[in-house]
Amino acid sequence: MTALTTLSDLPSHYAIKLNDNMLIKLEGEQADSYLHGQVTVNINALDGNTVRHCAHCDNKGKTWSISFVGRHDNAIFMLTNKDAGAHSLAQLNKYGVFSKVDITDESNQYTQFFLGENLGKMLLASYFDTLPSEPLTSVHSDAGWVFKSDTQRAGYYVVLDSGQVPEFEQKVKDTNGAIFEQNVYDAIMIESAIPSIQETGISEYVPQMMNVQALNGIDFDKGCYMGQEVVARTRFLGKNKRAAYSFSVPKAFHINAGNTVEKQSGENWRRAGMVIRKAELSEETWFMAVLSNDTTEQDIHRLADQVEITCYPSPLPYSIEQAKSSLVKKRK
């Protein structure tokens, strides 16, 4: 696969094979009601042509995984990364024994790609009658399904039946399209401040600490689900003091999820937070870290174990503001 120097060097026609992603399938008579009680969005109201960001939490409101959730072929699918997905799959199966639902890892049956908008418009007409026109809307066919991304760099997220993949990859090559590895997709997502969590971040953060609410990934009026009380209290009492920020450094270096980020305070440095997502390109490094939600673009940060590398957070492409609710629930 092709290596990329910086995101600004992305060609007009490109595809990214998402080998580090996972696909969890839920089907059965109670699939909707079961998943509705597990994740932060209203599954009962999810139509067949809409995809949502969502979080899956433990009973303390700490996040197990962040995923896309959507419907295809009379089933519900959660699209996430392997680390967090393996944890969510185990937890879903743990509680799913009490419901009429089958929960499986379909990562081998389908292959996930991210396509730049130009290449997507050129190639996907062979697999779908139409293409989705709005972010996070989807269309379906026997070949799989596709939804338009909500990233700053317009593109399409494709979930393709694995039997179609050899022909699909050949078509990419025939159009002189470049095929990149997962790190390029991760950089695109970090650029758009879309979080995910690796093993070190599982069960560490309430979803709002990673801006899931800013991605319309929490329905606060949907009723009970795992961790709902903590997530709601964080919202209605204005208790959240953390948020996720993106950084890009014009230099290639090694970084891990879980690395400590420090912030300059006068002549000193103090611990500011932890890296949750990263992407290493040939001449550029991207990462996302959970920090204080009053962090500004003027605040200088560095990695605690690479103190020579200093950087500033990028502007967030959305608002993370959440005012306290005027609603006070009476306790008996």
Protein backbone atom coordinates (compact mmCIF):
# COMPACT_ATOMS: atom_id res chain seq x y z
CA MET A 1 0.00 0.00 0.00
CA THR A 2 1.03 3.59 -0.61
CA ALA A 3 2.64 5.67 2.15
CA LEU A 4 1.49 9.27 2.69
CA THR A 5 3.75 12.12 3.75
CA THR A 6 1.11 14.60 5.05
CA LEU A 7 -2.67 14.91 4.78
CA SER A 8 -2.25 17.88 2.45
CA ASP A 9 -0.62 15.46 -0.01
CA LEU A 10 -3.71 13.28 -0.38
CA PRO A 11 -4.37 12.70 -4.09
CA SER A 12 -7.77 13.43 -5.62
CA HIS A 13 -8.53 9.71 -6.01
CA TYR A 14 -7.80 7.52 -3.01
CA ALA A 15 -9.15 4.62 -0.96
CA ILE A 16 -8.23 3.51 2.55
CA LYS A 17 -8.62 -0.10 3.60
CA LEU A 18 -9.73 -0.18 7.24
CA ASN A 19 -7.96 -3.29 8.46
CA ASP A 20 -8.03 -2.16 12.09
CA ASN A 21 -11.81 -1.78 12.15
CA MET A 22 -14.44 -4.20 13.44
CA LEU A 23 -18.07 -4.82 12.53
CA ILE A 24 -20.51 -6.04 15.18
CA LYS A 25 -23.88 -7.37 13.97
CA LEU A 26 -27.06 -7.62 16.06
CA GLU A 27 -30.12 -9.35 14.69
CA GLY A 28 -33.18 -11.06 16.09
CA GLU A 29 -36.59 -10.27 17.49
CA GLN A 30 -35.26 -8.10 20.31
CA ALA A 31 -32.17 -6.64 18.64
CA ASP A 32 -33.60 -3.11 18.62
CA SER A 33 -34.82 -3.07 22.20
CA TYR A 34 -31.65 -4.71 23.46
CA LEU A 35 -29.23 -2.32 21.78
CA HIS A 36 -31.47 0.61 22.69
CA GLY A 37 -30.75 -0.24 26.33
CA GLN A 38 -27.01 -0.39 25.75
CA VAL A 39 -25.91 2.66 23.73
CA THR A 40 -26.34 6.43 23.98
CA VAL A 41 -28.63 6.97 20.97
CA ASN A 42 -32.25 6.06 20.28
CA ILE A 43 -32.08 2.80 18.34
CA ASN A 44 -35.86 2.48 18.22
CA ALA A 45 -35.99 5.70 16.17
CA LEU A 46 -33.07 4.80 13.88
CA ASP A 47 -34.26 4.45 10.28
CA GLY A 48 -32.66 2.35 7.59
CA ASN A 49 -30.92 5.25 5.85
CA THR A 50 -29.39 7.03 8.83
CA VAL A 51 -26.07 6.37 10.57
CA ARG A 52 -25.30 7.76 14.03
CA HIS A 53 -22.25 8.21 16.20
CA CYS A 54 -22.79 6.58 19.60
CA ALA A 55 -21.02 5.41 22.74
CA HIS A 56 -21.35 2.12 24.60
CA CYS A 57 -20.74 2.57 28.33
CA ASP A 58 -20.43 0.60 31.54
CA ASN A 59 -22.88 1.16 34.39
CA LYS A 60 -20.71 4.00 35.71
CA GLY A 61 -21.03 5.90 32.43
CA LYS A 62 -17.43 5.20 31.37
CA THR A 63 -17.03 4.44 27.68
CA TRP A 64 -16.27 0.97 26.37
CA SER A 65 -16.37 1.99 22.70
CA ILE A 66 -17.32 4.75 20.29
CA SER A 67 -18.88 3.59 17.04
CA PHE A 68 -21.04 4.30 14.06
CA VAL A 69 -24.37 2.50 14.26
CA GLY A 70 -26.66 1.82 11.32
CA ARG A 71 -28.97 -0.73 9.72
CA HIS A 72 -28.36 -3.12 6.84
CA ASP A 73 -30.13 -6.25 5.64
CA ASN A 74 -32.58 -6.48 8.57
CA ALA A 75 -29.81 -6.18 11.14
CA ILE A 76 -28.08 -3.47 13.16
CA PHE A 77 -24.35 -2.94 12.80
CA MET A 78 -21.81 -1.19 15.01
CA LEU A 79 -18.67 -0.04 13.19
CA THR A 80 -15.72 0.59 15.48
CA ASN A 81 -12.02 -0.18 15.97
CA LYS A 82 -10.80 -3.61 17.04
CA ASP A 83 -9.60 -2.75 20.57
CA ALA A 84 -12.81 -1.14 21.72
CA GLY A 85 -14.98 -3.35 19.54
CA ALA A 86 -13.68 -6.56 21.11
CA HIS A 87 -14.56 -5.16 24.53
CA SER A 88 -18.04 -4.07 23.46
CA LEU A 89 -18.69 -7.41 21.75
CA ALA A 90 -17.85 -9.29 24.94
CA GLN A 91 -20.06 -7.04 27.05
CA LEU A 92 -22.96 -7.17 24.58
CA ASN A 93 -22.85 -10.96 24.55
CA LYS A 94 -22.59 -11.05 28.34
CA TYR A 95 -25.93 -9.27 28.77
CA GLY A 96 -27.50 -10.43 25.51
CA VAL A 97 -28.16 -13.94 26.82
CA PHE A 98 -31.31 -12.55 28.43
CA SER A 99 -32.72 -11.25 25.12
CA LYS A 100 -33.72 -12.75 21.78
CA VAL A 101 -30.75 -11.38 19.89
CA ASP A 102 -27.76 -12.85 18.08
CA ILE A 103 -24.56 -10.81 18.38
CA THR A 104 -21.64 -11.67 16.10
CA ASP A 105 -18.36 -10.31 14.78
CA GLU A 106 -18.89 -9.87 11.02
CA SER A 107 -15.45 -8.39 10.31
CA ASN A 108 -14.54 -11.29 7.99
CA GLN A 109 -17.82 -11.22 6.09
CA TYR A 110 -17.50 -7.52 5.23
CA THR A 111 -14.52 -5.28 4.47
CA GLN A 112 -14.57 -1.59 5.34
CA PHE A 113 -13.12 1.17 3.18
CA PHE A 114 -12.99 4.96 3.30
CA LEU A 115 -13.06 6.56 -0.15
CA GLY A 116 -12.32 10.14 -1.06
CA GLU A 117 -15.33 11.87 -2.60
CA ASN A 118 -13.97 11.95 -6.17
CA LEU A 119 -13.07 8.27 -6.28
CA GLY A 120 -16.32 7.34 -4.53
CA LYS A 121 -18.44 9.08 -7.16
CA MET A 122 -16.47 7.33 -9.89
CA LEU A 123 -16.50 3.77 -8.52
CA LEU A 124 -19.51 3.30 -6.29
CA ALA A 125 -22.08 3.63 -9.09
CA SER A 126 -21.11 0.05 -9.99
CA TYR A 127 -22.34 -1.16 -6.61
CA PHE A 128 -25.18 1.20 -5.65
CA ASP A 129 -28.06 2.73 -7.64
CA THR A 130 -27.52 6.11 -5.95
CA LEU A 131 -25.07 7.66 -3.51
CA PRO A 132 -25.99 9.33 -0.21
CA SER A 133 -26.08 13.10 -0.55
CA GLU A 134 -25.99 14.17 3.10
CA PRO A 135 -23.47 13.31 5.83
CA LEU A 136 -24.34 10.18 7.80
CA THR A 137 -27.03 9.04 5.36
CA SER A 138 -26.71 5.63 3.74
CA VAL A 139 -27.79 3.56 0.76
CA HIS A 140 -27.78 -0.21 0.38
CA SER A 141 -27.44 -2.99 -2.18
CA ASP A 142 -26.61 -6.68 -2.34
CA ALA A 143 -22.93 -5.66 -2.38
CA GLY A 144 -23.13 -3.93 1.01
CA TRP A 145 -23.80 -0.38 2.11
CA VAL A 146 -22.27 3.05 1.97
CA PHE A 147 -22.74 6.23 3.95
CA LYS A 148 -21.39 9.70 3.42
CA SER A 149 -18.83 10.77 6.00
CA ASP A 150 -19.16 13.81 8.25
CA THR A 151 -15.43 14.53 8.05
CA GLN A 152 -13.95 17.83 6.90
CA ARG A 153 -12.53 15.98 3.89
CA ALA A 154 -15.63 14.72 2.10
CA GLY A 155 -15.73 10.99 1.53
CA TYR A 156 -17.70 7.78 1.70
CA TYR A 157 -17.55 4.99 4.24
CA VAL A 158 -18.09 1.68 2.42
CA VAL A 159 -19.00 -1.65 4.02
CA LEU A 160 -18.50 -4.16 1.22
CA ASP A 161 -19.25 -7.87 1.09
CA SER A 162 -15.79 -9.44 1.28
CA GLY A 163 -16.44 -11.43 -1.90
CA GLN A 164 -16.52 -8.13 -3.79
CA VAL A 165 -13.18 -6.88 -2.48
CA PRO A 166 -10.69 -8.27 -5.07
CA GLU A 167 -12.70 -6.78 -7.95
CA PHE A 168 -13.19 -3.51 -6.05
CA GLU A 169 -9.47 -3.10 -5.31
CA GLN A 170 -8.66 -3.81 -8.96
CA LYS A 171 -11.09 -1.08 -10.02
CA VAL A 172 -9.30 1.35 -7.69
CA LYS A 173 -5.99 0.48 -9.34
CA ASP A 174 -7.49 0.74 -12.83
CA THR A 175 -8.49 4.35 -12.12
CA ASN A 176 -4.95 5.10 -10.85
CA GLY A 177 -6.37 5.50 -7.36
CA ALA A 178 -4.00 5.13 -4.42
CA ILE A 179 -4.80 2.66 -1.64
CA PHE A 180 -3.62 3.75 1.80
CA GLU A 181 -3.43 2.02 5.15
CA GLN A 182 -5.56 2.72 8.22
CA ASN A 183 -3.27 5.43 9.61
CA VAL A 184 -4.41 7.85 6.88
CA TYR A 185 -8.06 7.32 7.85
CA ASP A 186 -7.17 7.89 11.49
CA ALA A 187 -5.49 11.18 10.57
CA ILE A 188 -8.58 12.26 8.61
CA MET A 189 -10.79 11.47 11.60
CA ILE A 190 -8.50 13.27 14.04
CA GLU A 191 -8.43 16.29 11.74
CA SER A 192 -12.25 16.38 12.10
CA ALA A 193 -12.00 15.80 15.88
CA ILE A 194 -13.87 12.49 15.71
CA PRO A 195 -12.70 10.35 18.64
CA SER A 196 -12.14 6.67 19.17
CA ILE A 197 -10.51 4.83 22.05
CA GLN A 198 -7.82 2.18 22.20
CA GLU A 199 -7.21 -0.34 24.98
CA THR A 200 -5.66 2.23 27.34
CA GLY A 201 -8.74 4.46 27.14
CA ILE A 202 -11.46 1.87 27.69
CA SER A 203 -13.60 2.61 30.77
CA GLU A 204 -11.69 5.85 31.43
CA TYR A 205 -14.01 8.57 30.13
CA VAL A 206 -17.65 9.63 30.16
CA PRO A 207 -18.69 10.15 26.49
CA GLN A 208 -18.88 13.96 26.85
CA MET A 209 -15.17 14.00 27.75
CA MET A 210 -14.55 12.87 24.17
CA ASN A 211 -17.09 15.25 22.56
CA VAL A 212 -19.58 12.52 21.63
CA GLN A 213 -22.46 14.90 22.36
CA ALA A 214 -21.04 17.38 19.83
CA LEU A 215 -21.33 14.67 17.16
CA ASN A 216 -25.01 14.15 17.97
CA GLY A 217 -24.01 10.85 19.53
CA ILE A 218 -26.07 11.14 22.75
CA ASP A 219 -29.87 11.34 22.97
CA PHE A 220 -30.54 12.74 26.42
CA ASP A 221 -34.28 12.10 26.23
CA LYS A 222 -34.21 8.45 25.15
CA GLY A 223 -34.63 6.83 28.56
CA CYS A 224 -32.57 4.21 30.34
CA TYR A 225 -29.41 2.59 28.99
CA MET A 226 -26.13 1.43 30.46
CA GLY A 227 -24.48 4.37 32.24
CA GLN A 228 -27.43 6.70 31.49
CA GLU A 229 -27.63 8.18 34.99
CA VAL A 230 -24.00 9.36 34.97
CA VAL A 231 -24.14 10.60 31.37
CA ALA A 232 -27.35 12.53 32.08
CA ARG A 233 -26.06 13.96 35.35
CA THR A 234 -22.92 15.13 33.60
CA ARG A 235 -25.13 16.92 31.09
CA PHE A 236 -27.86 18.41 33.26
CA LEU A 237 -25.64 19.49 36.13
CA GLY A 238 -22.89 20.83 33.89
CA LYS A 239 -20.28 18.69 35.65
CA ASN A 240 -18.09 17.82 32.69
CA LYS A 241 -14.72 19.60 32.80
CA ARG A 242 -12.97 17.63 30.03
CA ALA A 243 -12.98 17.58 26.23
CA ALA A 244 -10.98 16.03 23.40
CA TYR A 245 -8.69 18.13 21.21
CA SER A 246 -6.76 17.39 18.02
CA PHE A 247 -3.10 18.13 17.38
CA SER A 248 -0.97 17.92 14.25
CA VAL A 249 2.81 18.09 14.32
CA PRO A 250 4.83 18.59 11.08
CA LYS A 251 7.22 15.83 12.03
CA ALA A 252 7.15 12.04 12.10
CA PHE A 253 7.58 10.46 15.53
CA HIS A 254 6.24 7.49 17.45
CA ILE A 255 3.34 8.02 19.80
CA ASN A 256 0.99 5.66 21.65
CA ALA A 257 -2.56 5.98 22.90
CA GLY A 258 -2.18 6.40 26.64
CA ASN A 259 0.82 8.75 26.43
CA THR A 260 0.66 11.69 28.82
CA VAL A 261 0.25 15.22 27.48
CA GLU A 262 1.56 18.18 29.48
CA LYS A 263 0.55 21.86 29.34
CA GLN A 264 2.83 24.82 29.94
CA SER A 265 1.94 26.90 32.98
CA GLY A 266 4.30 29.85 33.35
CA GLU A 267 7.79 28.40 33.42
CA ASN A 268 6.53 24.98 34.47
CA TRP A 269 4.73 22.10 32.86
CA ARG A 270 1.88 20.14 34.41
CA ARG A 271 -0.02 17.01 33.42
CA ALA A 272 -2.92 17.97 31.16
CA GLY A 273 -4.38 14.68 29.92
CA MET A 274 -3.90 11.54 27.85
CA VAL A 275 -3.72 10.62 24.18
CA ILE A 276 -6.73 8.59 23.00
CA ARG A 277 -6.13 8.42 19.23
CA LYS A 278 -3.07 8.79 17.01
CA ALA A 279 -1.89 8.59 13.41
CA GLU A 280 1.70 8.54 12.18
CA LEU A 281 2.37 9.62 8.58
CA SER A 282 5.76 9.83 6.86
CA GLU A 283 6.32 13.50 7.70
CA GLU A 284 3.42 14.37 10.00
CA THR A 285 1.93 13.08 13.25
CA TRP A 286 -1.65 13.50 14.42
CA PHE A 287 -3.11 12.78 17.83
CA MET A 288 -6.20 13.45 19.89
CA ALA A 289 -6.08 13.94 23.66
CA VAL A 290 -8.59 14.44 26.47
CA LEU A 291 -7.76 17.71 28.23
CA SER A 292 -9.47 20.41 30.30
CA ASN A 293 -12.43 21.79 28.37
CA ASP A 294 -11.17 25.35 28.82
CA THR A 295 -8.13 24.57 26.67
CA THR A 296 -7.44 27.26 24.07
CA GLU A 297 -5.60 27.32 20.76
CA GLN A 298 -2.89 29.43 22.42
CA ASP A 299 -2.04 26.81 25.06
CA ILE A 300 1.33 25.14 24.46
CA HIS A 301 1.43 21.37 25.02
CA ARG A 302 4.03 18.65 24.80
CA LEU A 303 4.32 14.89 25.27
CA ALA A 304 5.71 14.00 28.69
CA ASP A 305 8.14 11.45 27.24
CA GLN A 306 9.16 13.60 24.22
CA VAL A 307 9.57 17.03 25.76
CA GLU A 308 11.28 18.50 22.71
CA ILE A 309 8.00 18.24 20.73
CA THR A 310 5.67 21.16 21.50
CA CYS A 311 2.35 21.85 19.78
CA TYR A 312 -0.95 23.72 19.96
CA PRO A 313 -4.48 22.27 19.77
CA SER A 314 -6.35 22.75 16.51
CA PRO A 315 -9.67 24.65 16.50
CA LEU A 316 -12.59 22.30 17.08
CA PRO A 317 -14.95 22.11 14.08
CA TYR A 318 -18.01 22.06 16.35
CA SER A 319 -19.23 23.47 19.65
CA ILE A 320 -18.73 21.48 22.86
CA GLU A 321 -20.70 23.95 25.00
CA GLN A 322 -23.36 22.42 27.20
CA ALA A 323 -25.15 24.76 29.56
CA LYS A 324 -26.60 23.51 32.82
CA SER A 325 -30.22 22.43 32.57
CA SER A 326 -32.86 24.51 34.33
CA LEU A 327 -34.73 21.29 35.01
CA VAL A 328 -34.24 19.99 38.54
CA LYS A 329 -35.67 16.58 39.28
CA LYS A 330 -37.27 16.23 42.67
CA ARG A 331 -36.16 13.34 44.81
CA LYS A 332 -38.61 11.53 47.01
